[in-house]
Amino acid sequence: MAKAPAKRGKNEPEVRPIIVKKIIAGDHGGHHGGAWKVAYADFVTAMMAFFLLLWILGATTEKQRKGIADYFTPTLIEMRQKSAGSNGAFGGQSIVSRDNYAHKAAQTGSKGITMPKDATGGNKDGAGEKRMRERKRFQMLRKELTERMKRDKKLSRLLKNVRFTETREGLRIDLIDEADFSMFSLGTATLLPEARRLLGEVARVIDGIPNNVIVRGHTDALPYASGRSGNNWTLSAARAESTRLALNSSGVIPQRFARIEGVAEREPYVPGNIYDPRNRRMSVTLAWISDSANMDADPAAPVEPQAAPQKIASK
C-alpha cells in the first residue's frame, strides 16, 4: 500500500516540481561549417592556374615558351645537373630541356613509366636534333674549306677574306673585298682569277651536302660616276649571277640554288661605315633544312668607323 504524502506544514513553502531536460547535441560542423569553402577555393584557384597554363601553351611560340621556362628556372649549376627534380627541389631545367629519367624507353630495366624525351614529344627525331646535326655538318664544312685553302699557297692569304656566320637563313660564307683584294674587276661583274679559284674551292666543299644555296651580292655605298647608266642594284645582281655561274661550273647543280639576289649597299657588313671596302662582298648561304629556322643571326664584330671618301673608289 503506497504511503500517503506527508502533510505540508502551515508555514512551509509549496514543493516545486523537478523538471529533467534531456539535450542531445548534434554535430553539424561538416555541413554548416567553413572548412569546405577553403577546400573549394583552393580547387578553383588550382583550376584557374591550370587553364591559364593551357592558354599560355597554346598562344605562344616554342621560343617564347623557352624564354618563360628559363625565367623560372634556377640558375645554380649544381641544381641543374639533373632533370625532373631528381637532384632535390627545383632540380629540373625547363619544360623543353632533355630529361634524365631512370626509366625512359631507351634504357633497359623497368619500363613501367615512359617519359617524353623532350618538349617535342617522344623519342622521335625532332627539329632540334636536325638542327644540331646541321650545325655539326657546318662545322666540318668550315674546317674542310679552311684546310683546303691552307694547302694552296695563293689561296692561303685569302683566309682573312672568308668569314662564317650562322644566321636565320643558315650558314653564311662571306667572301669579302679588302684594300689588297677584290673579287671583281673595277665596276664590272667579271670575276678575277683568284676569286674564281676561291669560289671553286667553296663549290667543292658544299657540293657534298644537301642544303639549298642562296647567293647574295653586296656593294658599298659609293655612287657611280655621273653619266653611267648602271647603279649599285644592277651591279650587285650581276655579280651574284656571276658567282652562281662560277659555283655551277665547279659542280653545284642548278636545282640547289634557291635565290640569287642583289641587295646593293642595303645590308652592309660594316654598319658603322657604309663606304668601307669590306661591304663589297659575295655571300653564299647554305639554308637550314630543319623547319624551325627562326634563329637570331650572330652579330658582326664591331669596327671603328672610317671617314667617307671624297672620290669615287673601286667597287
C-alpha atoms as a PDB file:
ATOM      1  CA  MET A   1       0.000   0.000   0.000  1.00  0.00           C
ATOM      2  CA  ALA A   2       1.513   3.337  -1.002  1.00  0.00           C
ATOM      3  CA  LYS A   3       2.477   5.685   1.682  1.00  0.00           C
ATOM      4  CA  ALA A   4       0.462   8.853   1.727  1.00  0.00           C
ATOM      5  CA  PRO A   5       2.436  12.048   1.298  1.00  0.00           C
ATOM      6  CA  ALA A   6       3.092  13.947   4.467  1.00  0.00           C
ATOM      7  CA  LYS A   7       1.042  16.954   5.021  1.00  0.00           C
ATOM      8  CA  ARG A   8       2.686  20.300   4.433  1.00  0.00           C
ATOM      9  CA  GLY A   9       3.004  22.456   7.439  1.00  0.00           C
ATOM     10  CA  LYS A  10       1.193  25.698   7.718  1.00  0.00           C
ATOM     11  CA  ASN A  11       4.337  27.835   7.235  1.00  0.00           C
ATOM     12  CA  GLU A  12       6.192  25.537   4.807  1.00  0.00           C
ATOM     13  CA  PRO A  13       6.562  26.687   1.145  1.00  0.00           C
ATOM     14  CA  GLU A  14       4.964  24.726  -1.640  1.00  0.00           C
ATOM     15  CA  VAL A  15       7.207  21.978  -3.053  1.00  0.00           C
ATOM     16  CA  ARG A  16       8.287  22.801  -6.643  1.00  0.00           C
ATOM     17  CA  PRO A  17       8.275  20.022  -9.217  1.00  0.00           C
ATOM     18  CA  ILE A  18      11.671  18.731 -10.513  1.00  0.00           C
ATOM     19  CA  ILE A  19      11.943  19.023 -14.332  1.00  0.00           C
ATOM     20  CA  VAL A  20      14.648  16.985 -16.127  1.00  0.00           C
ATOM     21  CA  LYS A  21      15.570  18.355 -19.579  1.00  0.00           C
ATOM     22  CA  LYS A  22      17.481  15.975 -21.867  1.00  0.00           C
ATOM     23  CA  ILE A  23      19.544  17.705 -24.613  1.00  0.00           C
ATOM     24  CA  ILE A  24      21.041  15.648 -27.479  1.00  0.00           C
ATOM     25  CA  ALA A  25      23.900  17.579 -29.115  1.00  0.00           C
ATOM     26  CA  GLY A  26      24.082  17.164 -32.938  1.00  0.00           C
ATOM     27  CA  ASP A  27      27.390  17.500 -34.962  1.00  0.00           C
ATOM     28  CA  HIS A  28      26.524  19.824 -37.854  1.00  0.00           C
ATOM     29  CA  GLY A  29      30.029  21.323 -38.353  1.00  0.00           C
ATOM     30  CA  GLY A  30      30.760  19.436 -41.571  1.00  0.00           C
ATOM     31  CA  HIS A  31      27.632  20.785 -43.273  1.00  0.00           C
ATOM     32  CA  HIS A  32      27.246  24.223 -41.772  1.00  0.00           C
ATOM     33  CA  GLY A  33      30.977  24.947 -41.068  1.00  0.00           C
ATOM     34  CA  GLY A  34      33.529  26.775 -43.310  1.00  0.00           C
ATOM     35  CA  ALA A  35      36.157  24.059 -43.955  1.00  0.00           C
ATOM     36  CA  TRP A  36      34.628  23.009 -47.280  1.00  0.00           C
ATOM     37  CA  LYS A  37      34.746  26.605 -48.512  1.00  0.00           C
ATOM     38  CA  VAL A  38      38.514  26.726 -48.041  1.00  0.00           C
ATOM     39  CA  ALA A  39      38.957  23.442 -49.906  1.00  0.00           C
ATOM     40  CA  TYR A  40      36.689  24.620 -52.731  1.00  0.00           C
ATOM     41  CA  ALA A  41      38.589  27.906 -53.041  1.00  0.00           C
ATOM     42  CA  ASP A  42      41.877  26.002 -53.324  1.00  0.00           C
ATOM     43  CA  PHE A  43      40.372  23.795 -56.018  1.00  0.00           C
ATOM     44  CA  VAL A  44      39.086  26.761 -58.052  1.00  0.00           C
ATOM     45  CA  THR A  45      42.459  28.510 -57.770  1.00  0.00           C
ATOM     46  CA  ALA A  46      44.283  25.398 -58.974  1.00  0.00           C
ATOM     47  CA  MET A  47      41.894  25.011 -61.919  1.00  0.00           C
ATOM     48  CA  MET A  48      42.347  28.658 -62.887  1.00  0.00           C
ATOM     49  CA  ALA A  49      46.125  28.236 -62.853  1.00  0.00           C
ATOM     50  CA  PHE A  50      45.806  25.047 -64.917  1.00  0.00           C
ATOM     51  CA  PHE A  51      43.649  26.632 -67.631  1.00  0.00           C
ATOM     52  CA  LEU A  52      45.945  29.691 -67.651  1.00  0.00           C
ATOM     53  CA  LEU A  53      48.869  27.346 -68.314  1.00  0.00           C
ATOM     54  CA  LEU A  54      46.962  25.672 -71.168  1.00  0.00           C
ATOM     55  CA  TRP A  55      46.203  29.070 -72.675  1.00  0.00           C
ATOM     56  CA  ILE A  56      49.841  30.143 -72.494  1.00  0.00           C
ATOM     57  CA  LEU A  57      50.980  26.905 -74.164  1.00  0.00           C
ATOM     58  CA  GLY A  58      48.506  27.439 -76.983  1.00  0.00           C
ATOM     59  CA  ALA A  59      49.072  31.158 -77.516  1.00  0.00           C
ATOM     60  CA  THR A  60      52.891  31.264 -77.521  1.00  0.00           C
ATOM     61  CA  THR A  61      55.627  30.007 -79.802  1.00  0.00           C
ATOM     62  CA  GLU A  62      58.255  27.469 -78.837  1.00  0.00           C
ATOM     63  CA  LYS A  63      60.844  30.220 -78.479  1.00  0.00           C
ATOM     64  CA  GLN A  64      58.565  32.223 -76.143  1.00  0.00           C
ATOM     65  CA  ARG A  65      57.830  29.151 -74.037  1.00  0.00           C
ATOM     66  CA  LYS A  66      61.547  28.516 -73.749  1.00  0.00           C
ATOM     67  CA  GLY A  67      62.038  32.072 -72.502  1.00  0.00           C
ATOM     68  CA  ILE A  68      59.244  31.714 -69.921  1.00  0.00           C
ATOM     69  CA  ALA A  69      60.648  28.407 -68.702  1.00  0.00           C
ATOM     70  CA  ASP A  70      64.159  29.828 -68.446  1.00  0.00           C
ATOM     71  CA  TYR A  71      62.849  32.788 -66.435  1.00  0.00           C
ATOM     72  CA  PHE A  72      61.522  30.467 -63.715  1.00  0.00           C
ATOM     73  CA  THR A  73      64.495  28.087 -63.888  1.00  0.00           C
ATOM     74  CA  PRO A  74      67.100  28.251 -61.077  1.00  0.00           C
ATOM     75  CA  THR A  75      70.459  29.401 -62.343  1.00  0.00           C
ATOM     76  CA  LEU A  76      72.616  27.433 -59.921  1.00  0.00           C
ATOM     77  CA  ILE A  77      74.697  24.937 -61.862  1.00  0.00           C
ATOM     78  CA  GLU A  78      74.587  22.406 -59.030  1.00  0.00           C
ATOM     79  CA  MET A  79      70.786  22.379 -59.175  1.00  0.00           C
ATOM     80  CA  ARG A  80      70.615  21.916 -62.971  1.00  0.00           C
ATOM     81  CA  GLN A  81      72.782  18.850 -63.358  1.00  0.00           C
ATOM     82  CA  LYS A  82      69.792  16.513 -63.392  1.00  0.00           C
ATOM     83  CA  SER A  83      66.224  16.822 -64.529  1.00  0.00           C
ATOM     84  CA  ALA A  84      62.712  16.268 -63.172  1.00  0.00           C
ATOM     85  CA  GLY A  85      63.746  17.260 -59.661  1.00  0.00           C
ATOM     86  CA  SER A  86      65.967  14.202 -59.354  1.00  0.00           C
ATOM     87  CA  ASN A  87      68.570  16.255 -57.503  1.00  0.00           C
ATOM     88  CA  GLY A  88      66.148  17.743 -54.980  1.00  0.00           C
ATOM     89  CA  ALA A  89      63.649  20.537 -55.239  1.00  0.00           C
ATOM     90  CA  PHE A  90      63.809  22.503 -58.499  1.00  0.00           C
ATOM     91  CA  GLY A  91      66.348  20.026 -59.841  1.00  0.00           C
ATOM     92  CA  GLY A  92      64.954  20.199 -63.384  1.00  0.00           C
ATOM     93  CA  GLN A  93      65.909  22.719 -66.045  1.00  0.00           C
ATOM     94  CA  SER A  94      62.878  23.681 -68.144  1.00  0.00           C
ATOM     95  CA  ILE A  95      59.939  22.146 -69.992  1.00  0.00           C
ATOM     96  CA  VAL A  96      61.946  21.998 -73.215  1.00  0.00           C
ATOM     97  CA  SER A  97      65.140  20.558 -71.721  1.00  0.00           C
ATOM     98  CA  ARG A  98      66.129  16.964 -72.275  1.00  0.00           C
ATOM     99  CA  ASP A  99      65.279  14.663 -69.423  1.00  0.00           C
ATOM    100  CA  ASN A 100      67.432  12.317 -67.380  1.00  0.00           C
ATOM    101  CA  TYR A 101      64.801   9.873 -66.179  1.00  0.00           C
ATOM    102  CA  ALA A 102      65.843   6.483 -64.917  1.00  0.00           C
ATOM    103  CA  HIS A 103      63.082   4.682 -66.799  1.00  0.00           C
ATOM    104  CA  LYS A 104      62.896   6.333 -70.195  1.00  0.00           C
ATOM    105  CA  ALA A 105      62.129   3.987 -73.052  1.00  0.00           C
ATOM    106  CA  ALA A 106      65.663   3.921 -74.471  1.00  0.00           C
ATOM    107  CA  GLN A 107      67.047   2.262 -71.309  1.00  0.00           C
ATOM    108  CA  THR A 108      66.808  -1.318 -70.114  1.00  0.00           C
ATOM    109  CA  GLY A 109      65.058  -2.405 -66.950  1.00  0.00           C
ATOM    110  CA  SER A 110      61.630  -1.427 -65.710  1.00  0.00           C
ATOM    111  CA  LYS A 111      59.599   0.463 -68.278  1.00  0.00           C
ATOM    112  CA  GLY A 112      56.547   0.960 -66.147  1.00  0.00           C
ATOM    113  CA  ILE A 113      56.962   4.712 -66.549  1.00  0.00           C
ATOM    114  CA  THR A 114      57.801   6.050 -70.015  1.00  0.00           C
ATOM    115  CA  MET A 115      58.592   9.744 -70.101  1.00  0.00           C
ATOM    116  CA  PRO A 116      58.926  12.017 -73.173  1.00  0.00           C
ATOM    117  CA  LYS A 117      62.458  12.703 -74.298  1.00  0.00           C
ATOM    118  CA  ASP A 118      61.903  16.426 -74.783  1.00  0.00           C
ATOM    119  CA  ALA A 119      59.161  19.001 -75.217  1.00  0.00           C
ATOM    120  CA  THR A 120      58.563  17.996 -78.838  1.00  0.00           C
ATOM    121  CA  GLY A 121      57.298  14.602 -77.566  1.00  0.00           C
ATOM    122  CA  GLY A 122      58.626  11.060 -77.548  1.00  0.00           C
ATOM    123  CA  ASN A 123      61.956   9.692 -78.652  1.00  0.00           C
ATOM    124  CA  LYS A 124      61.295  10.674 -82.238  1.00  0.00           C
ATOM    125  CA  ASP A 125      63.729  12.646 -84.338  1.00  0.00           C
ATOM    126  CA  GLY A 126      62.637  16.280 -83.843  1.00  0.00           C
ATOM    127  CA  ALA A 127      63.625  19.526 -85.476  1.00  0.00           C
ATOM    128  CA  GLY A 128      66.061  20.265 -82.658  1.00  0.00           C
ATOM    129  CA  GLU A 129      68.128  17.167 -83.406  1.00  0.00           C
ATOM    130  CA  LYS A 130      68.131  18.009 -87.122  1.00  0.00           C
ATOM    131  CA  ARG A 131      69.409  21.475 -86.331  1.00  0.00           C
ATOM    132  CA  MET A 132      72.217  20.028 -84.178  1.00  0.00           C
ATOM    133  CA  ARG A 133      73.236  17.675 -86.986  1.00  0.00           C
ATOM    134  CA  GLU A 134      73.293  20.579 -89.432  1.00  0.00           C
ATOM    135  CA  ARG A 135      75.481  22.621 -87.092  1.00  0.00           C
ATOM    136  CA  LYS A 136      77.950  19.743 -86.847  1.00  0.00           C
ATOM    137  CA  ARG A 137      77.920  19.435 -90.633  1.00  0.00           C
ATOM    138  CA  PHE A 138      78.589  23.158 -90.978  1.00  0.00           C
ATOM    139  CA  GLN A 139      81.492  22.944 -88.543  1.00  0.00           C
ATOM    140  CA  MET A 140      83.045  20.155 -90.589  1.00  0.00           C
ATOM    141  CA  LEU A 141      82.466  22.162 -93.767  1.00  0.00           C
ATOM    142  CA  ARG A 142      84.185  25.200 -92.294  1.00  0.00           C
ATOM    143  CA  LYS A 143      87.149  23.103 -91.182  1.00  0.00           C
ATOM    144  CA  GLU A 144      87.439  21.418 -94.573  1.00  0.00           C
ATOM    145  CA  LEU A 145      87.334  24.695 -96.518  1.00  0.00           C
ATOM    146  CA  THR A 146      89.945  26.249 -94.219  1.00  0.00           C
ATOM    147  CA  GLU A 147      92.272  23.265 -94.638  1.00  0.00           C
ATOM    148  CA  ARG A 148      91.885  23.263 -98.442  1.00  0.00           C
ATOM    149  CA  MET A 149      92.764  26.950 -98.584  1.00  0.00           C
ATOM    150  CA  LYS A 150      95.781  26.471 -96.329  1.00  0.00           C
ATOM    151  CA  ARG A 151      97.168  23.824 -98.684  1.00  0.00           C
ATOM    152  CA  ASP A 152      97.071  26.309-101.581  1.00  0.00           C
ATOM    153  CA  LYS A 153      99.746  28.988-101.200  1.00  0.00           C
ATOM    154  CA  LYS A 154      97.864  31.503-103.337  1.00  0.00           C
ATOM    155  CA  LEU A 155      94.574  30.970-101.515  1.00  0.00           C
ATOM    156  CA  SER A 156      96.025  30.766 -98.017  1.00  0.00           C
ATOM    157  CA  ARG A 157      96.478  34.527 -97.906  1.00  0.00           C
ATOM    158  CA  LEU A 158      92.747  34.941 -98.580  1.00  0.00           C
ATOM    159  CA  LEU A 159      91.710  33.160 -95.363  1.00  0.00           C
ATOM    160  CA  LYS A 160      91.158  36.543 -93.742  1.00  0.00           C
ATOM    161  CA  ASN A 161      88.663  37.364 -96.510  1.00  0.00           C
ATOM    162  CA  VAL A 162      86.433  34.370 -95.745  1.00  0.00           C
ATOM    163  CA  ARG A 163      84.011  34.720 -92.814  1.00  0.00           C
ATOM    164  CA  PHE A 164      81.493  32.198 -91.469  1.00  0.00           C
ATOM    165  CA  THR A 165      78.300  33.394 -89.760  1.00  0.00           C
ATOM    166  CA  GLU A 166      75.232  31.481 -88.559  1.00  0.00           C
ATOM    167  CA  THR A 167      72.064  33.396 -89.469  1.00  0.00           C
ATOM    168  CA  ARG A 168      68.304  32.836 -89.553  1.00  0.00           C
ATOM    169  CA  GLU A 169      68.679  31.515 -93.102  1.00  0.00           C
ATOM    170  CA  GLY A 170      71.562  29.134 -92.442  1.00  0.00           C
ATOM    171  CA  LEU A 171      75.364  29.158 -92.580  1.00  0.00           C
ATOM    172  CA  ARG A 172      76.567  32.222 -94.467  1.00  0.00           C
ATOM    173  CA  ILE A 173      80.003  32.231 -96.092  1.00  0.00           C
ATOM    174  CA  ASP A 174      81.088  35.802 -96.808  1.00  0.00           C
ATOM    175  CA  LEU A 175      83.803  36.404 -99.405  1.00  0.00           C
ATOM    176  CA  ILE A 176      84.899  39.925 -98.540  1.00  0.00           C
ATOM    177  CA  ASP A 177      86.798  42.543-100.526  1.00  0.00           C
ATOM    178  CA  GLU A 178      89.590  44.464 -98.875  1.00  0.00           C
ATOM    179  CA  ALA A 179      92.112  47.074 -99.905  1.00  0.00           C
ATOM    180  CA  ASP A 180      94.504  44.398-101.235  1.00  0.00           C
ATOM    181  CA  PHE A 181      91.920  42.005-102.664  1.00  0.00           C
ATOM    182  CA  SER A 182      88.912  42.386-104.939  1.00  0.00           C
ATOM    183  CA  MET A 183      86.736  39.646-106.364  1.00  0.00           C
ATOM    184  CA  PHE A 184      85.655  41.551-109.471  1.00  0.00           C
ATOM    185  CA  SER A 185      87.173  43.910-111.973  1.00  0.00           C
ATOM    186  CA  LEU A 186      86.508  47.593-111.374  1.00  0.00           C
ATOM    187  CA  GLY A 187      82.791  48.387-111.794  1.00  0.00           C
ATOM    188  CA  THR A 188      82.015  45.089-113.569  1.00  0.00           C
ATOM    189  CA  ALA A 189      80.726  41.605-112.832  1.00  0.00           C
ATOM    190  CA  THR A 190      83.869  39.910-114.175  1.00  0.00           C
ATOM    191  CA  LEU A 191      85.446  37.585-111.617  1.00  0.00           C
ATOM    192  CA  LEU A 192      89.191  37.878-111.130  1.00  0.00           C
ATOM    193  CA  PRO A 193      91.283  34.658-111.306  1.00  0.00           C
ATOM    194  CA  GLU A 194      91.907  34.419-107.544  1.00  0.00           C
ATOM    195  CA  ALA A 195      88.215  34.916-106.772  1.00  0.00           C
ATOM    196  CA  ARG A 196      87.266  32.242-109.301  1.00  0.00           C
ATOM    197  CA  ARG A 197      89.670  29.788-107.684  1.00  0.00           C
ATOM    198  CA  LEU A 198      88.264  30.636-104.253  1.00  0.00           C
ATOM    199  CA  LEU A 199      84.707  30.007-105.459  1.00  0.00           C
ATOM    200  CA  GLY A 200      85.872  26.723-106.924  1.00  0.00           C
ATOM    201  CA  GLU A 201      87.076  25.574-103.509  1.00  0.00           C
ATOM    202  CA  VAL A 202      83.792  26.683-101.933  1.00  0.00           C
ATOM    203  CA  ALA A 203      81.843  24.732-104.571  1.00  0.00           C
ATOM    204  CA  ARG A 204      83.849  21.547-103.982  1.00  0.00           C
ATOM    205  CA  VAL A 205      83.168  21.729-100.248  1.00  0.00           C
ATOM    206  CA  ILE A 206      79.428  22.468-100.402  1.00  0.00           C
ATOM    207  CA  ASP A 207      78.819  20.005-103.250  1.00  0.00           C
ATOM    208  CA  GLY A 208      78.631  17.092-100.814  1.00  0.00           C
ATOM    209  CA  ILE A 209      75.814  18.431 -98.630  1.00  0.00           C
ATOM    210  CA  PRO A 210      72.082  18.628 -99.475  1.00  0.00           C
ATOM    211  CA  ASN A 211      71.336  22.189 -98.299  1.00  0.00           C
ATOM    212  CA  ASN A 212      69.961  24.713-100.770  1.00  0.00           C
ATOM    213  CA  VAL A 213      72.201  27.618-101.738  1.00  0.00           C
ATOM    214  CA  ILE A 214      71.387  31.337-101.562  1.00  0.00           C
ATOM    215  CA  VAL A 215      73.747  33.713-103.371  1.00  0.00           C
ATOM    216  CA  ARG A 216      73.604  37.399-102.496  1.00  0.00           C
ATOM    217  CA  GLY A 217      75.661  40.236-103.958  1.00  0.00           C
ATOM    218  CA  HIS A 218      76.641  43.319-101.947  1.00  0.00           C
ATOM    219  CA  THR A 219      78.296  46.636-102.768  1.00  0.00           C
ATOM    220  CA  ASP A 220      79.419  49.610-100.743  1.00  0.00           C
ATOM    221  CA  ALA A 221      77.540  52.910-100.777  1.00  0.00           C
ATOM    222  CA  LEU A 222      79.851  54.705-103.205  1.00  0.00           C
ATOM    223  CA  PRO A 223      77.767  56.008-106.149  1.00  0.00           C
ATOM    224  CA  TYR A 224      78.566  55.516-109.787  1.00  0.00           C
ATOM    225  CA  ALA A 225      80.255  58.295-111.692  1.00  0.00           C
ATOM    226  CA  SER A 226      77.848  60.699-113.372  1.00  0.00           C
ATOM    227  CA  GLY A 227      76.733  59.770-116.873  1.00  0.00           C
ATOM    228  CA  ARG A 228      76.839  55.997-116.323  1.00  0.00           C
ATOM    229  CA  SER A 229      73.620  54.031-116.688  1.00  0.00           C
ATOM    230  CA  GLY A 230      74.426  51.378-114.060  1.00  0.00           C
ATOM    231  CA  ASN A 231      73.851  51.524-110.340  1.00  0.00           C
ATOM    232  CA  ASN A 232      74.652  49.500-107.249  1.00  0.00           C
ATOM    233  CA  TRP A 233      71.488  47.421-107.608  1.00  0.00           C
ATOM    234  CA  THR A 234      72.259  46.188-111.099  1.00  0.00           C
ATOM    235  CA  LEU A 235      75.935  45.698-110.225  1.00  0.00           C
ATOM    236  CA  SER A 236      75.208  43.587-107.109  1.00  0.00           C
ATOM    237  CA  ALA A 237      72.654  41.471-109.020  1.00  0.00           C
ATOM    238  CA  ALA A 238      75.069  40.911-111.916  1.00  0.00           C
ATOM    239  CA  ARG A 239      77.850  39.894-109.534  1.00  0.00           C
ATOM    240  CA  ALA A 240      75.502  37.462-107.754  1.00  0.00           C
ATOM    241  CA  GLU A 241      74.717  35.840-111.104  1.00  0.00           C
ATOM    242  CA  SER A 242      78.428  35.623-111.960  1.00  0.00           C
ATOM    243  CA  THR A 243      79.025  33.920-108.616  1.00  0.00           C
ATOM    244  CA  ARG A 244      76.224  31.451-109.300  1.00  0.00           C
ATOM    245  CA  LEU A 245      77.693  30.588-112.694  1.00  0.00           C
ATOM    246  CA  ALA A 246      81.127  30.040-111.126  1.00  0.00           C
ATOM    247  CA  LEU A 247      79.690  27.716-108.469  1.00  0.00           C
ATOM    248  CA  ASN A 248      77.667  25.874-111.100  1.00  0.00           C
ATOM    249  CA  SER A 249      80.680  25.361-113.335  1.00  0.00           C
ATOM    250  CA  SER A 250      82.544  23.902-110.333  1.00  0.00           C
ATOM    251  CA  GLY A 251      79.936  21.264-109.574  1.00  0.00           C
ATOM    252  CA  VAL A 252      76.957  22.821-107.746  1.00  0.00           C
ATOM    253  CA  ILE A 253      73.875  21.721-109.704  1.00  0.00           C
ATOM    254  CA  PRO A 254      71.315  24.410-110.721  1.00  0.00           C
ATOM    255  CA  GLN A 255      68.491  22.801-108.717  1.00  0.00           C
ATOM    256  CA  ARG A 256      70.233  23.658-105.451  1.00  0.00           C
ATOM    257  CA  PHE A 257      70.125  27.424-105.969  1.00  0.00           C
ATOM    258  CA  ALA A 258      67.144  28.767-104.014  1.00  0.00           C
ATOM    259  CA  ARG A 259      67.654  32.510-104.564  1.00  0.00           C
ATOM    260  CA  ILE A 260      70.038  34.788-106.428  1.00  0.00           C
ATOM    261  CA  GLU A 261      69.836  38.340-105.097  1.00  0.00           C
ATOM    262  CA  GLY A 262      71.497  41.707-105.411  1.00  0.00           C
ATOM    263  CA  VAL A 263      70.935  43.985-102.406  1.00  0.00           C
ATOM    264  CA  ALA A 264      73.322  46.851-103.287  1.00  0.00           C
ATOM    265  CA  GLU A 265      74.519  48.564-100.068  1.00  0.00           C
ATOM    266  CA  ARG A 266      71.376  47.790 -98.006  1.00  0.00           C
ATOM    267  CA  GLU A 267      72.995  45.051 -95.879  1.00  0.00           C
ATOM    268  CA  PRO A 268      76.471  46.398 -95.005  1.00  0.00           C
ATOM    269  CA  TYR A 269      78.995  44.130 -93.372  1.00  0.00           C
ATOM    270  CA  VAL A 270      80.319  47.165 -91.500  1.00  0.00           C
ATOM    271  CA  PRO A 271      77.184  49.116 -90.497  1.00  0.00           C
ATOM    272  CA  GLY A 272      79.244  51.871 -88.913  1.00  0.00           C
ATOM    273  CA  ASN A 273      80.806  52.830 -92.254  1.00  0.00           C
ATOM    274  CA  ILE A 274      78.791  52.123 -95.406  1.00  0.00           C
ATOM    275  CA  TYR A 275      81.797  53.140 -97.546  1.00  0.00           C
ATOM    276  CA  ASP A 276      84.102  50.511 -96.043  1.00  0.00           C
ATOM    277  CA  PRO A 277      85.534  48.209 -98.777  1.00  0.00           C
ATOM    278  CA  ARG A 278      84.552  45.165 -96.707  1.00  0.00           C
ATOM    279  CA  ASN A 279      80.933  45.927 -97.558  1.00  0.00           C
ATOM    280  CA  ARG A 280      81.760  44.797-101.113  1.00  0.00           C
ATOM    281  CA  ARG A 281      81.334  41.066-100.811  1.00  0.00           C
ATOM    282  CA  MET A 282      79.549  37.957-102.026  1.00  0.00           C
ATOM    283  CA  SER A 283      77.662  35.810 -99.556  1.00  0.00           C
ATOM    284  CA  VAL A 284      76.954  32.136-100.177  1.00  0.00           C
ATOM    285  CA  THR A 285      74.389  30.845 -97.663  1.00  0.00           C
ATOM    286  CA  LEU A 286      73.625  27.185 -97.038  1.00  0.00           C
ATOM    287  CA  ALA A 287      69.961  27.218 -95.991  1.00  0.00           C
ATOM    288  CA  TRP A 288      68.666  25.280 -92.995  1.00  0.00           C
ATOM    289  CA  ILE A 289      66.917  22.037 -93.813  1.00  0.00           C
ATOM    290  CA  SER A 290      65.077  21.826 -90.473  1.00  0.00           C
ATOM    291  CA  ASP A 291      61.735  23.578 -90.182  1.00  0.00           C
ATOM    292  CA  SER A 292      62.482  25.754 -87.112  1.00  0.00           C
ATOM    293  CA  ALA A 293      64.594  28.370 -88.865  1.00  0.00           C
ATOM    294  CA  ASN A 294      63.848  31.371 -86.620  1.00  0.00           C
ATOM    295  CA  MET A 295      67.275  31.832 -85.167  1.00  0.00           C
ATOM    296  CA  ASP A 296      68.989  35.086 -84.450  1.00  0.00           C
ATOM    297  CA  ALA A 297      71.981  35.914 -86.555  1.00  0.00           C
ATOM    298  CA  ASP A 298      75.303  36.293 -84.841  1.00  0.00           C
ATOM    299  CA  PRO A 299      76.201  39.979 -84.722  1.00  0.00           C
ATOM    300  CA  ALA A 300      79.245  41.072 -86.688  1.00  0.00           C
ATOM    301  CA  ALA A 301      82.260  42.217 -84.742  1.00  0.00           C
ATOM    302  CA  PRO A 302      82.213  45.986 -84.164  1.00  0.00           C
ATOM    303  CA  VAL A 303      84.656  48.045 -86.177  1.00  0.00           C
ATOM    304  CA  GLU A 304      85.853  51.590 -85.954  1.00  0.00           C
ATOM    305  CA  PRO A 305      84.020  53.830 -88.458  1.00  0.00           C
ATOM    306  CA  GLN A 306      86.134  55.330 -91.193  1.00  0.00           C
ATOM    307  CA  ALA A 307      85.738  58.685 -92.832  1.00  0.00           C
ATOM    308  CA  ALA A 308      83.738  58.721 -96.054  1.00  0.00           C
ATOM    309  CA  PRO A 309      85.995  59.064 -99.092  1.00  0.00           C
ATOM    310  CA  GLN A 310      85.714  62.148-101.205  1.00  0.00           C
ATOM    311  CA  LYS A 311      86.389  60.441-104.557  1.00  0.00           C
ATOM    312  CA  ILE A 312      84.813  57.542-106.354  1.00  0.00           C
ATOM    313  CA  ALA A 313      86.645  54.350-105.306  1.00  0.00           C
ATOM    314  CA  SER A 314      86.726  50.972-106.994  1.00  0.00           C
ATOM    315  CA  LYS A 315      83.751  48.735-106.442  1.00  0.00           C
END
